[in-house]
Amino acid sequence: MQPLLTSDPTRVGDYRLLARLGRGAMGGVYLGRSRGGRVVAVKVIRADLAEDPEFRERFRREADAAHAVGGFWTAAVVNADPDAEQPWLATEYVPGPTLHQAVADHGPLPEATVRSLGAGLAEALVAIHKAELVHRDLKPANVLLGPDGPRVIDFGISRAMTGHSLTATGIFLGTPGFFSPEQTLGSEVGPPSDVFSLGAVLVFAAVGSGPFGEESTASLLYKVAHAEPDLEKVPEGLRPLLAECLHKDPAARPTPAQMLDRIGETSPQGSSWLPPTITAVIAQHSTELQRTVQVPDTPPPQPVPAAPHAAPRPVTQAYTQAPPVAAPAQPAAAPAPQMRDKIVPSPPQKRQTQAQQQRAPRVRRDGPGPEFRTRGRASAAMWTAVFALLLVAAFYLSDHMDIPFTHGSVSMNPDRLAVFRIGALLLLFGAVWSCGRMLAPSLRLKVNSDGVVVHRMGLTREIPWQQVSRVGVVGKGKSTSLAVWLADGSAPRSSAWHRVRRYHGGARIYPVGATGGFISRRQEARRLRGALEQYARGRYDSRML
């Protein structure tokens, strides 16, 4: 939970907003409390989407359908207002981490927990499909681990975005590696698509990564449609069922009811269905929730207007005119402490800041999350060869054009010699510069639940999310970059191996525009935005350009 910003609303409908829970593709998510004391999660739709009448109609239809979804393992829709200035949706709040956060922080889940998780999610899909909805974006970030079982969130609402142009901001339906082949190929999407996503989610829970790895968006799209999933690390008891869920043919996949029959009488109810480490995290969430909702709902103080030219009160006149009255005897008070003659300065704040930085959590490079790297070594090699050939050609032509290279020649022409030397030096400089770019290792970026890591040649720079107030993808074309704003107002310093450029109070720390050509650059920027949306909730600003 994050405190509300000055730009955040404080009330939505009948709900008072208490804290920020995150930010998704459709808008911000807040912790809210009704007038009767019920705690809910309120999703407020973005203003630009709210201006689209078609989106409002889709949102109204899907919100009505989602409101009718029942089932034990779905976060129930409590209320919605599609006609508000900014449409909003209130759902049941579950005090627990997402499946993605739990696996990223504590590793893969044991087989018994994965079976319980699969049973709960399959029963949730039964309820969703019974309401004639298709989730379309079932992924670890949309599965909450509650104290009594999992909860599926955002079901059916993703359909409200179908047909809406969101490619300008890099947003598309589904998450690469978790959506089905029919979503990738643009075929008809039905309930079997959710079964494919459920199989990918269970592989992630059992292994710690998706069945198609964590590569670029283009690679994941190809593998989902044409390659076989990697199930070698999946427990043998779950491997046949998950292989059927991840079948390319939708008709060959089991239904959620058939999955329940295959899993057996496994129930996630009870506090022992999760490992103790995750159970302790849920307890911390519950404690933080109780502390947050206990904030009194008091109206803001109203200013009291002062009476103009008010006459002096009579009691004041009587007091000033009355003779002094001897005060009753009081026991001698303790002598007041003497004031210090000199002001003793407090310890420098800089030392505390350095100590806090030393205790800051490390960003693990081996945690689940996508990795990015700069490219251009092939083009640098091409330019090295071009400059070298031009330099050889220049020396070859100098012999045939009677342009001497040294002053010792009899037929020396000073003007032509100066032009030749300048051109040769420029070609040599270009060849050396291109050769250095070709030999230099790529700059790499890792994004996960701990923060971001930039590394090259064994040198590493870690930026935990706790130190970041805002993050986003800025710029266009080759100038597209990842920018961060630190909470203390400072900015990372440039070094010989990692160049950092200031940007509106923050800093550009990674050149997304150097990750390839036009198509690759757009794909990598889109993949980076998706990673920030998933890992930097509450800090990622999708409105940056």
Protein backbone atom coordinates (compact mmCIF):
# COMPACT_ATOMS: atom_id res chain seq x y z
CA MET A 1 0.00 0.00 0.00
CA GLN A 2 1.14 3.50 -0.86
CA PRO A 3 -0.20 6.79 0.54
CA LEU A 4 -2.52 8.82 -1.64
CA LEU A 5 -0.99 11.50 -3.83
CA THR A 6 -2.36 15.02 -4.09
CA SER A 7 -3.63 14.20 -7.59
CA ASP A 8 -5.54 11.12 -6.40
CA PRO A 9 -9.25 11.30 -5.58
CA THR A 10 -10.29 10.96 -1.95
CA ARG A 11 -13.83 9.70 -2.56
CA VAL A 12 -15.41 7.64 -5.32
CA GLY A 13 -19.16 7.15 -5.05
CA ASP A 14 -19.95 6.09 -1.49
CA TYR A 15 -16.41 4.90 -0.84
CA ARG A 16 -13.65 6.79 0.91
CA LEU A 17 -10.23 6.06 -0.60
CA LEU A 18 -7.51 5.25 1.95
CA ALA A 19 -4.40 4.18 0.01
CA ARG A 20 -2.99 3.35 -3.41
CA LEU A 21 -2.81 -0.32 -4.34
CA GLY A 22 -1.32 0.04 -7.83
CA ARG A 23 -1.91 1.17 -11.37
CA GLY A 24 -3.02 -0.98 -14.29
CA ALA A 25 -3.68 -0.52 -17.98
CA MET A 26 -7.20 0.82 -17.37
CA GLY A 27 -6.46 3.14 -14.45
CA GLY A 28 -5.53 3.37 -10.77
CA VAL A 29 -6.51 0.89 -8.06
CA TYR A 30 -7.20 2.14 -4.53
CA LEU A 31 -8.11 0.74 -1.14
CA GLY A 32 -11.56 2.04 -0.24
CA ARG A 33 -13.97 1.80 2.67
CA SER A 34 -17.75 2.09 2.50
CA ARG A 35 -19.82 4.10 4.96
CA GLY A 36 -20.78 0.83 6.61
CA GLY A 37 -17.12 -0.16 7.09
CA ARG A 38 -16.67 -2.69 4.26
CA VAL A 39 -13.19 -2.68 2.69
CA VAL A 40 -13.03 -2.89 -1.10
CA ALA A 41 -10.58 -2.41 -3.97
CA VAL A 42 -11.72 0.46 -6.21
CA LYS A 43 -10.49 0.70 -9.79
CA VAL A 44 -10.89 4.18 -11.31
CA ILE A 45 -10.80 4.26 -15.11
CA ARG A 46 -8.37 6.59 -16.88
CA ALA A 47 -9.74 9.92 -18.07
CA ASP A 48 -8.79 9.33 -21.72
CA LEU A 49 -10.68 6.03 -21.78
CA ALA A 50 -13.67 7.64 -20.07
CA GLU A 51 -14.02 10.08 -22.98
CA ASP A 52 -14.75 7.23 -25.41
CA PRO A 53 -18.53 6.49 -25.58
CA GLU A 54 -17.88 3.03 -27.06
CA PHE A 55 -15.63 2.16 -24.14
CA ARG A 56 -18.27 3.28 -21.63
CA GLU A 57 -20.85 1.05 -23.27
CA ARG A 58 -18.50 -1.93 -23.25
CA PHE A 59 -17.54 -1.22 -19.66
CA ARG A 60 -21.22 -1.04 -18.61
CA ARG A 61 -22.05 -4.34 -20.29
CA GLU A 62 -19.04 -6.16 -18.88
CA ALA A 63 -19.45 -4.68 -15.38
CA ASP A 64 -23.07 -5.89 -15.28
CA ALA A 65 -22.02 -9.36 -16.39
CA ALA A 66 -19.08 -9.51 -13.97
CA HIS A 67 -21.37 -8.43 -11.13
CA ALA A 68 -23.32 -11.64 -11.67
CA VAL A 69 -20.27 -13.90 -11.42
CA GLY A 70 -20.38 -16.09 -8.35
CA GLY A 71 -18.00 -18.73 -7.10
CA PHE A 72 -15.72 -19.20 -4.15
CA TRP A 73 -12.47 -18.18 -5.78
CA THR A 74 -13.26 -14.90 -7.54
CA ALA A 75 -13.02 -11.40 -6.11
CA ALA A 76 -16.69 -10.44 -6.26
CA VAL A 77 -17.74 -7.18 -7.92
CA VAL A 78 -19.49 -5.11 -5.23
CA ASN A 79 -20.50 -1.97 -7.11
CA ALA A 80 -19.79 0.00 -10.28
CA ASP A 81 -20.75 3.28 -11.93
CA PRO A 82 -20.13 3.33 -15.70
CA ASP A 83 -21.85 6.76 -15.99
CA ALA A 84 -19.53 8.63 -13.60
CA GLU A 85 -17.15 11.29 -14.90
CA GLN A 86 -14.46 8.65 -14.48
CA PRO A 87 -16.10 5.19 -14.42
CA TRP A 88 -15.15 3.05 -11.46
CA LEU A 89 -15.50 -0.52 -10.23
CA ALA A 90 -15.40 -1.79 -6.63
CA THR A 91 -14.46 -5.39 -5.90
CA GLU A 92 -13.79 -7.48 -2.82
CA TYR A 93 -10.40 -6.74 -1.27
CA VAL A 94 -8.18 -9.74 -0.51
CA PRO A 95 -5.38 -9.12 2.05
CA GLY A 96 -2.61 -11.07 0.39
CA PRO A 97 0.14 -10.88 -2.25
CA THR A 98 -0.27 -11.76 -5.89
CA LEU A 99 0.97 -15.12 -7.08
CA HIS A 100 3.71 -13.33 -9.00
CA GLN A 101 4.93 -11.47 -5.90
CA ALA A 102 4.86 -14.63 -3.78
CA VAL A 103 6.89 -16.69 -6.26
CA ALA A 104 9.32 -13.84 -6.95
CA ASP A 105 10.00 -13.31 -3.23
CA HIS A 106 9.84 -16.89 -1.90
CA GLY A 107 10.45 -19.18 -4.87
CA PRO A 108 8.29 -21.87 -6.51
CA LEU A 109 5.42 -23.43 -4.57
CA PRO A 110 5.36 -27.09 -3.49
CA GLU A 111 3.32 -29.57 -5.50
CA ALA A 112 0.52 -29.85 -2.91
CA THR A 113 0.07 -26.06 -2.93
CA VAL A 114 0.07 -25.98 -6.74
CA ARG A 115 -2.68 -28.63 -6.76
CA SER A 116 -4.76 -26.61 -4.32
CA LEU A 117 -4.12 -23.50 -6.38
CA GLY A 118 -5.15 -25.29 -9.58
CA ALA A 119 -8.36 -26.56 -7.99
CA GLY A 120 -9.32 -23.09 -6.80
CA LEU A 121 -8.54 -21.40 -10.11
CA ALA A 122 -10.36 -24.08 -12.11
CA GLU A 123 -13.46 -23.59 -9.97
CA ALA A 124 -13.16 -19.84 -10.50
CA LEU A 125 -13.11 -20.38 -14.28
CA VAL A 126 -16.24 -22.52 -14.00
CA ALA A 127 -18.06 -19.55 -12.43
CA ILE A 128 -16.64 -17.06 -14.93
CA HIS A 129 -17.56 -19.16 -17.97
CA LYS A 130 -21.00 -19.85 -16.53
CA ALA A 131 -21.61 -16.09 -16.65
CA GLU A 132 -20.65 -16.19 -20.36
CA LEU A 133 -17.41 -14.33 -19.79
CA VAL A 134 -13.86 -15.04 -20.87
CA HIS A 135 -11.08 -13.72 -18.67
CA ARG A 136 -8.54 -13.26 -21.50
CA ASP A 137 -5.74 -12.14 -19.18
CA LEU A 138 -5.29 -14.82 -16.54
CA LYS A 139 -1.71 -14.40 -15.30
CA PRO A 140 0.18 -14.59 -11.98
CA ALA A 141 -0.37 -10.87 -11.36
CA ASN A 142 -4.16 -11.39 -11.56
CA VAL A 143 -4.22 -14.15 -8.93
CA LEU A 144 -4.33 -13.09 -5.28
CA LEU A 145 -3.31 -15.52 -2.53
CA GLY A 146 -5.77 -15.05 0.31
CA PRO A 147 -5.67 -16.65 3.76
CA ASP A 148 -8.38 -19.15 2.76
CA GLY A 149 -7.55 -19.65 -0.91
CA PRO A 150 -6.77 -17.91 -4.21
CA ARG A 151 -8.86 -15.19 -5.82
CA VAL A 152 -9.07 -14.32 -9.52
CA ILE A 153 -9.33 -10.60 -10.22
CA ASP A 154 -10.10 -8.50 -13.32
CA PHE A 155 -12.26 -11.23 -14.85
CA GLY A 156 -14.33 -10.21 -17.82
CA ILE A 157 -13.31 -6.56 -17.60
CA SER A 158 -10.50 -6.99 -20.13
CA ARG A 159 -13.17 -7.57 -22.80
CA ALA A 160 -14.23 -3.96 -22.34
CA MET A 161 -10.96 -2.94 -23.98
CA THR A 162 -11.51 -5.03 -27.11
CA GLY A 163 -11.48 -2.87 -30.18
CA HIS A 164 -10.08 0.16 -28.36
CA SER A 165 -6.92 1.59 -29.84
CA LEU A 166 -4.23 1.25 -27.23
CA THR A 167 -1.24 0.49 -29.40
CA ALA A 168 0.02 4.05 -29.01
CA THR A 169 0.84 3.42 -25.38
CA GLY A 170 2.14 -0.12 -25.90
CA ILE A 171 -0.83 -1.82 -24.24
CA PHE A 172 -2.42 -4.93 -25.71
CA LEU A 173 -4.77 -7.59 -24.50
CA GLY A 174 -3.11 -10.41 -22.62
CA THR A 175 0.41 -10.98 -21.36
CA PRO A 176 3.06 -12.60 -23.60
CA GLY A 177 3.84 -16.11 -22.41
CA PHE A 178 0.48 -16.54 -20.67
CA PHE A 179 -2.12 -15.89 -23.34
CA SER A 180 -3.23 -18.58 -25.77
CA PRO A 181 -2.15 -19.29 -29.36
CA GLU A 182 -5.56 -18.18 -30.63
CA GLN A 183 -5.00 -14.79 -29.00
CA THR A 184 -1.58 -14.60 -30.66
CA LEU A 185 -2.90 -15.53 -34.12
CA GLY A 186 -6.06 -13.43 -33.86
CA SER A 187 -8.46 -16.40 -33.93
CA GLU A 188 -11.71 -16.73 -32.02
CA VAL A 189 -11.13 -16.60 -28.26
CA GLY A 190 -13.32 -18.71 -26.00
CA PRO A 191 -13.19 -20.58 -22.67
CA PRO A 192 -10.35 -22.91 -23.84
CA SER A 193 -8.13 -19.81 -24.02
CA ASP A 194 -8.48 -19.36 -20.25
CA VAL A 195 -7.55 -23.03 -19.75
CA PHE A 196 -4.31 -22.47 -21.67
CA SER A 197 -3.54 -19.44 -19.50
CA LEU A 198 -4.34 -21.46 -16.35
CA GLY A 199 -1.83 -24.12 -17.41
CA ALA A 200 0.84 -21.45 -17.92
CA VAL A 201 0.04 -19.92 -14.51
CA LEU A 202 0.39 -23.29 -12.76
CA VAL A 203 3.74 -23.90 -14.51
CA PHE A 204 4.91 -20.53 -13.21
CA ALA A 205 3.77 -21.43 -9.68
CA ALA A 206 5.57 -24.80 -9.77
CA VAL A 207 8.79 -23.74 -11.53
CA GLY A 208 9.18 -19.99 -11.02
CA SER A 209 9.03 -19.09 -14.72
CA GLY A 210 6.54 -19.44 -17.55
CA PRO A 211 6.43 -22.46 -19.86
CA PHE A 212 7.95 -20.45 -22.73
CA GLY A 213 10.72 -18.68 -20.82
CA GLU A 214 11.27 -14.96 -20.35
CA GLU A 215 12.52 -13.66 -23.68
CA SER A 216 11.52 -10.82 -25.96
CA THR A 217 7.90 -10.26 -26.92
CA ALA A 218 8.45 -11.41 -30.50
CA SER A 219 10.12 -14.62 -29.32
CA LEU A 220 7.34 -15.35 -26.84
CA LEU A 221 4.66 -14.76 -29.46
CA TYR A 222 6.35 -17.23 -31.79
CA LYS A 223 6.90 -19.87 -29.10
CA VAL A 224 3.32 -19.68 -27.83
CA ALA A 225 2.00 -20.25 -31.35
CA HIS A 226 4.52 -22.79 -32.67
CA ALA A 227 6.92 -24.15 -30.00
CA GLU A 228 6.30 -26.76 -27.33
CA PRO A 229 6.27 -25.66 -23.66
CA ASP A 230 9.19 -26.49 -21.39
CA LEU A 231 7.81 -28.78 -18.66
CA GLU A 232 10.98 -30.57 -17.57
CA LYS A 233 11.04 -28.95 -14.11
CA VAL A 234 7.30 -29.45 -13.48
CA PRO A 235 6.55 -32.20 -10.91
CA GLU A 236 5.70 -35.50 -12.61
CA GLY A 237 2.29 -35.67 -10.96
CA LEU A 238 1.25 -32.39 -12.65
CA ARG A 239 3.09 -32.72 -15.97
CA PRO A 240 0.44 -34.67 -17.99
CA LEU A 241 -2.42 -32.37 -16.97
CA LEU A 242 -0.49 -29.18 -17.66
CA ALA A 243 0.70 -30.52 -21.01
CA GLU A 244 -2.94 -30.99 -22.03
CA CYS A 245 -3.83 -27.48 -20.85
CA LEU A 246 -1.05 -26.06 -23.02
CA HIS A 247 -2.08 -27.92 -26.17
CA LYS A 248 -2.10 -25.77 -29.32
CA ASP A 249 -5.54 -27.08 -30.36
CA PRO A 250 -8.28 -25.54 -28.16
CA ALA A 251 -10.48 -28.61 -28.63
CA ALA A 252 -7.78 -30.87 -27.13
CA ARG A 253 -7.63 -28.97 -23.84
CA PRO A 254 -9.63 -30.11 -20.82
CA THR A 255 -12.48 -28.02 -19.47
CA PRO A 256 -12.22 -26.51 -15.98
CA ALA A 257 -14.67 -29.12 -14.70
CA GLN A 258 -12.50 -31.90 -16.13
CA MET A 259 -9.47 -30.34 -14.48
CA LEU A 260 -11.25 -30.51 -11.12
CA ASP A 261 -11.90 -34.21 -11.72
CA ARG A 262 -8.24 -34.79 -12.59
CA ILE A 263 -6.89 -32.84 -9.60
CA GLY A 264 -9.16 -34.62 -7.13
CA GLU A 265 -10.65 -33.57 -3.81
CA THR A 266 -8.05 -30.92 -3.13
CA SER A 267 -9.38 -27.93 -1.27
CA PRO A 268 -7.37 -24.75 -0.61
CA GLN A 269 -9.49 -23.86 2.42
CA GLY A 270 -7.65 -23.37 5.68
CA SER A 271 -4.56 -21.42 6.66
CA SER A 272 -2.19 -24.33 5.96
CA TRP A 273 -2.59 -24.47 2.19
CA LEU A 274 0.36 -22.11 1.67
CA PRO A 275 3.99 -22.34 2.87
CA PRO A 276 4.64 -20.65 6.25
CA THR A 277 6.67 -17.83 4.68
CA ILE A 278 3.76 -16.74 2.48
CA THR A 279 1.30 -17.19 5.34
CA ALA A 280 3.39 -14.74 7.36
CA VAL A 281 3.21 -12.23 4.48
CA ILE A 282 -0.59 -12.55 4.45
CA ALA A 283 -0.63 -11.88 8.19
CA GLN A 284 1.42 -8.71 7.61
CA HIS A 285 -1.05 -7.61 4.92
CA SER A 286 -3.93 -8.13 7.35
CA THR A 287 -2.17 -6.12 10.05
CA GLU A 288 -1.43 -3.28 7.64
CA LEU A 289 -5.04 -3.36 6.46
CA GLN A 290 -6.36 -3.03 10.01
CA ARG A 291 -4.03 -0.11 10.67
CA THR A 292 -5.09 1.64 7.47
CA VAL A 293 -8.86 1.24 7.82
CA GLN A 294 -8.82 2.50 11.41
CA VAL A 295 -8.17 6.05 10.21
CA PRO A 296 -11.22 8.05 11.35
CA ASP A 297 -13.47 9.43 8.66
CA THR A 298 -13.67 13.02 9.89
CA PRO A 299 -14.81 15.88 7.67
CA PRO A 300 -12.29 18.63 7.03
CA PRO A 301 -12.45 21.48 9.52
CA GLN A 302 -14.62 24.40 8.44
CA PRO A 303 -13.24 27.94 8.92
CA VAL A 304 -15.07 29.98 11.57
CA PRO A 305 -15.77 33.50 10.27
CA ALA A 306 -14.76 36.22 12.71
CA ALA A 307 -17.42 38.77 13.68
CA PRO A 308 -16.53 42.14 12.14
CA HIS A 309 -15.86 45.00 14.58
CA ALA A 310 -16.92 43.00 17.63
CA ALA A 311 -17.21 45.03 20.85
CA PRO A 312 -15.02 44.12 23.83
CA ARG A 313 -16.57 41.51 26.02
CA PRO A 314 -17.78 42.82 29.43
CA VAL A 315 -15.93 40.16 31.33
CA THR A 316 -12.67 41.51 29.95
CA GLN A 317 -13.43 44.99 31.21
CA ALA A 318 -14.41 43.69 34.65
CA TYR A 319 -11.20 41.72 34.84
CA THR A 320 -9.02 44.68 33.99
CA GLN A 321 -10.77 46.95 36.49
CA ALA A 322 -10.93 44.53 39.43
CA PRO A 323 -8.33 44.86 42.20
CA PRO A 324 -5.73 42.16 42.38
CA VAL A 325 -6.61 39.18 44.50
CA ALA A 326 -3.93 37.35 46.41
CA ALA A 327 -3.42 33.89 45.03
CA PRO A 328 -3.60 30.97 47.45
CA ALA A 329 -0.34 29.51 48.61
CA GLN A 330 1.02 26.89 46.22
CA PRO A 331 3.84 24.44 46.79
CA ALA A 332 7.16 25.58 45.46
CA ALA A 333 7.56 24.53 41.88
CA ALA A 334 10.66 22.80 40.70
CA PRO A 335 13.17 25.18 39.18
CA ALA A 336 12.96 25.39 35.41
CA PRO A 337 15.88 23.88 33.56
CA GLN A 338 18.42 26.38 32.45
CA MET A 339 18.65 27.13 28.75
CA ARG A 340 21.85 26.19 27.04
CA ASP A 341 24.10 29.06 26.09
CA LYS A 342 25.02 27.37 22.81
CA ILE A 343 22.92 25.53 20.27
CA VAL A 344 24.13 21.99 19.85
CA PRO A 345 23.60 20.90 16.24
CA SER A 346 21.96 17.55 15.59
CA PRO A 347 23.96 14.82 13.85
CA PRO A 348 24.23 15.37 10.11
CA GLN A 349 21.35 13.86 8.19
CA LYS A 350 23.76 12.66 5.53
CA ARG A 351 25.11 9.93 7.82
CA GLN A 352 21.62 8.56 8.41
CA THR A 353 20.99 8.54 4.69
CA GLN A 354 24.18 6.58 4.04
CA ALA A 355 23.30 4.09 6.75
CA GLN A 356 19.85 3.64 5.27
CA GLN A 357 21.38 3.09 1.86
CA GLN A 358 23.66 0.42 3.28
CA ARG A 359 20.64 -1.35 4.77
CA ALA A 360 18.63 -1.00 1.55
CA PRO A 361 17.50 -4.33 0.08
CA ARG A 362 19.50 -5.76 -2.78
CA VAL A 363 17.99 -6.30 -6.21
CA ARG A 364 18.39 -9.93 -7.17
CA ARG A 365 19.49 -10.53 -10.75
CA ASP A 366 18.34 -14.17 -10.67
CA GLY A 367 14.72 -13.35 -9.72
CA PRO A 368 11.85 -13.80 -12.18
CA GLY A 369 11.54 -10.91 -14.58
CA PRO A 370 12.40 -9.90 -18.14
CA GLU A 371 15.88 -8.82 -19.20
CA PHE A 372 16.74 -6.30 -21.90
CA ARG A 373 20.01 -5.56 -23.68
CA THR A 374 21.31 -3.03 -26.17
CA ARG A 375 22.20 -4.15 -29.65
CA GLY A 376 24.00 -2.68 -32.65
CA ARG A 377 27.17 -4.77 -32.70
CA ALA A 378 26.35 -6.09 -36.19
CA SER A 379 25.93 -2.57 -37.60
CA ALA A 380 29.14 -1.50 -35.82
CA ALA A 381 31.01 -4.40 -37.45
CA MET A 382 29.62 -3.37 -40.86
CA TRP A 383 30.77 0.23 -40.41
CA THR A 384 34.19 -0.95 -39.24
CA ALA A 385 34.57 -2.90 -42.46
CA VAL A 386 33.33 0.05 -44.54
CA PHE A 387 35.77 2.51 -42.95
CA ALA A 388 38.64 0.03 -43.32
CA LEU A 389 37.88 -0.52 -47.00
CA LEU A 390 37.64 3.21 -47.62
CA LEU A 391 40.98 3.72 -45.87
CA VAL A 392 42.63 1.04 -48.02
CA ALA A 393 41.06 2.50 -51.13
CA ALA A 394 42.37 5.96 -50.22
CA PHE A 395 45.95 4.69 -49.94
CA TYR A 396 45.54 2.74 -53.18
CA LEU A 397 44.33 5.82 -55.03
CA SER A 398 47.13 7.93 -53.56
CA ASP A 399 49.68 5.77 -55.32
CA HIS A 400 47.94 6.11 -58.69
CA MET A 401 47.17 9.83 -58.31
CA ASP A 402 50.76 10.71 -57.42
CA ILE A 403 49.82 11.91 -53.91
CA PRO A 404 52.83 11.25 -51.71
CA PHE A 405 52.36 10.31 -48.10
CA THR A 406 55.65 11.72 -46.80
CA HIS A 407 57.64 14.88 -47.43
CA GLY A 408 60.46 12.83 -48.80
CA SER A 409 58.87 12.36 -52.20
CA VAL A 410 60.01 14.53 -55.03
CA SER A 411 56.52 15.09 -56.45
CA MET A 412 54.97 16.32 -53.16
CA ASN A 413 51.87 18.52 -53.46
CA PRO A 414 51.20 20.23 -50.10
CA ASP A 415 47.49 21.01 -50.69
CA ARG A 416 46.59 17.55 -51.90
CA LEU A 417 48.69 15.99 -49.14
CA ALA A 418 46.81 17.94 -46.42
CA VAL A 419 43.40 16.91 -47.80
CA PHE A 420 44.54 13.32 -48.04
CA ARG A 421 45.84 13.25 -44.46
CA ILE A 422 42.64 14.80 -43.05
CA GLY A 423 40.47 12.28 -44.90
CA ALA A 424 42.67 9.39 -43.83
CA LEU A 425 42.53 10.48 -40.19
CA LEU A 426 38.72 10.75 -40.33
CA LEU A 427 38.44 7.29 -41.83
CA LEU A 428 40.84 5.89 -39.24
CA PHE A 429 38.88 7.51 -36.41
CA GLY A 430 35.62 6.10 -37.76
CA ALA A 431 37.12 2.61 -38.05
CA VAL A 432 38.51 2.70 -34.48
CA TRP A 433 35.23 4.06 -33.06
CA SER A 434 33.12 1.44 -34.84
CA CYS A 435 35.52 -1.31 -33.79
CA GLY A 436 35.20 -0.19 -30.16
CA ARG A 437 31.39 -0.31 -30.41
CA MET A 438 31.62 -3.77 -31.93
CA LEU A 439 33.90 -5.12 -29.18
CA ALA A 440 32.12 -3.42 -26.25
CA PRO A 441 29.68 -5.74 -24.40
CA SER A 442 25.99 -4.89 -24.37
CA LEU A 443 24.36 -2.86 -21.61
CA ARG A 444 21.78 -5.05 -19.88
CA LEU A 445 18.69 -4.19 -17.85
CA LYS A 446 16.86 -6.54 -15.47
CA VAL A 447 13.38 -5.69 -14.13
CA ASN A 448 11.83 -7.74 -11.33
CA SER A 449 9.86 -7.36 -8.11
CA ASP A 450 12.93 -6.03 -6.23
CA GLY A 451 13.74 -3.18 -8.61
CA VAL A 452 15.92 -2.64 -11.68
CA VAL A 453 19.51 -3.72 -12.31
CA VAL A 454 21.78 -2.23 -14.98
CA HIS A 455 24.99 -4.17 -15.59
CA ARG A 456 27.84 -4.44 -18.08
CA MET A 457 31.28 -6.13 -17.93
CA GLY A 458 30.67 -7.33 -14.37
CA LEU A 459 29.78 -3.82 -13.14
CA THR A 460 26.31 -3.50 -11.63
CA ARG A 461 24.00 -0.66 -10.59
CA GLU A 462 20.99 -1.62 -8.47
CA ILE A 463 17.94 0.62 -7.91
CA PRO A 464 15.39 -0.95 -5.50
CA TRP A 465 11.76 0.05 -5.84
CA GLN A 466 11.86 1.40 -2.27
CA GLN A 467 14.15 4.19 -3.51
CA VAL A 468 12.00 5.04 -6.57
CA SER A 469 9.09 7.48 -6.46
CA ARG A 470 8.23 7.34 -10.17
CA VAL A 471 9.35 5.37 -13.22
CA GLY A 472 8.34 5.38 -16.87
CA VAL A 473 9.35 5.06 -20.51
CA VAL A 474 10.06 8.47 -22.07
CA GLY A 475 11.02 9.71 -25.51
CA LYS A 476 10.28 8.43 -29.00
CA GLY A 477 12.18 6.52 -31.65
CA LYS A 478 15.88 6.13 -31.00
CA SER A 479 15.66 8.47 -28.00
CA THR A 480 13.27 6.14 -26.12
CA SER A 481 14.68 5.52 -22.63
CA LEU A 482 13.78 4.20 -19.20
CA ALA A 483 13.62 7.10 -16.72
CA VAL A 484 13.48 6.94 -12.92
CA TRP A 485 12.84 9.53 -10.23
CA LEU A 486 14.35 8.70 -6.84
CA ALA A 487 12.41 9.38 -3.66
CA ASP A 488 15.14 11.58 -2.17
CA GLY A 489 15.22 13.85 -5.23
CA SER A 490 18.71 12.80 -6.32
CA ALA A 491 19.69 11.11 -9.58
CA PRO A 492 22.12 8.27 -10.38
CA ARG A 493 25.57 9.45 -11.45
CA SER A 494 27.11 8.70 -14.81
CA SER A 495 30.13 6.45 -15.01
CA ALA A 496 32.47 5.24 -17.70
CA TRP A 497 30.44 2.07 -18.23
CA HIS A 498 26.93 3.48 -17.63
CA ARG A 499 25.96 6.83 -19.10
CA VAL A 500 23.07 8.61 -17.31
CA ARG A 501 21.32 11.72 -18.61
CA ARG A 502 19.17 14.07 -16.55
CA TYR A 503 15.49 14.29 -17.48
CA HIS A 504 13.01 16.69 -15.80
CA GLY A 505 14.24 16.02 -12.27
CA GLY A 506 14.89 12.34 -12.95
CA ALA A 507 17.40 10.43 -15.03
CA ARG A 508 17.42 8.29 -18.15
CA ILE A 509 19.16 5.09 -17.07
CA TYR A 510 18.67 2.74 -20.04
CA PRO A 511 18.49 3.50 -23.81
CA VAL A 512 15.56 1.47 -25.09
CA GLY A 513 16.13 3.05 -28.51
CA ALA A 514 19.44 1.16 -28.80
CA THR A 515 17.82 -2.28 -28.63
CA GLY A 516 17.50 -2.77 -32.39
CA GLY A 517 15.73 -1.51 -35.46
CA PHE A 518 12.34 0.15 -35.76
CA ILE A 519 10.26 -2.98 -35.15
CA SER A 520 12.50 -4.41 -32.43
CA ARG A 521 12.63 -1.04 -30.69
CA ARG A 522 8.84 -0.78 -30.53
CA GLN A 523 8.55 -4.36 -29.28
CA GLU A 524 11.15 -3.86 -26.57
CA ALA A 525 9.51 -0.60 -25.44
CA ARG A 526 6.17 -2.39 -25.26
CA ARG A 527 7.68 -5.27 -23.31
CA LEU A 528 9.38 -2.84 -20.90
CA ARG A 529 6.10 -1.01 -20.28
CA GLY A 530 4.41 -4.33 -19.52
CA ALA A 531 7.19 -5.26 -17.08
CA LEU A 532 6.91 -1.92 -15.26
CA GLU A 533 3.14 -2.25 -15.08
CA GLN A 534 3.58 -5.66 -13.48
CA TYR A 535 6.55 -5.08 -11.18
CA ALA A 536 6.43 -1.34 -10.36
CA ARG A 537 2.84 -0.99 -9.24
CA GLY A 538 2.10 2.37 -7.71
CA ARG A 539 5.28 3.84 -9.21
CA TYR A 540 4.87 3.27 -12.96
CA ASP A 541 3.45 6.27 -14.81
CA SER A 542 2.00 5.09 -18.13
CA ARG A 543 1.20 8.65 -19.26
CA MET A 544 4.82 9.57 -20.00
CA LEU A 545 5.92 10.20 -23.56
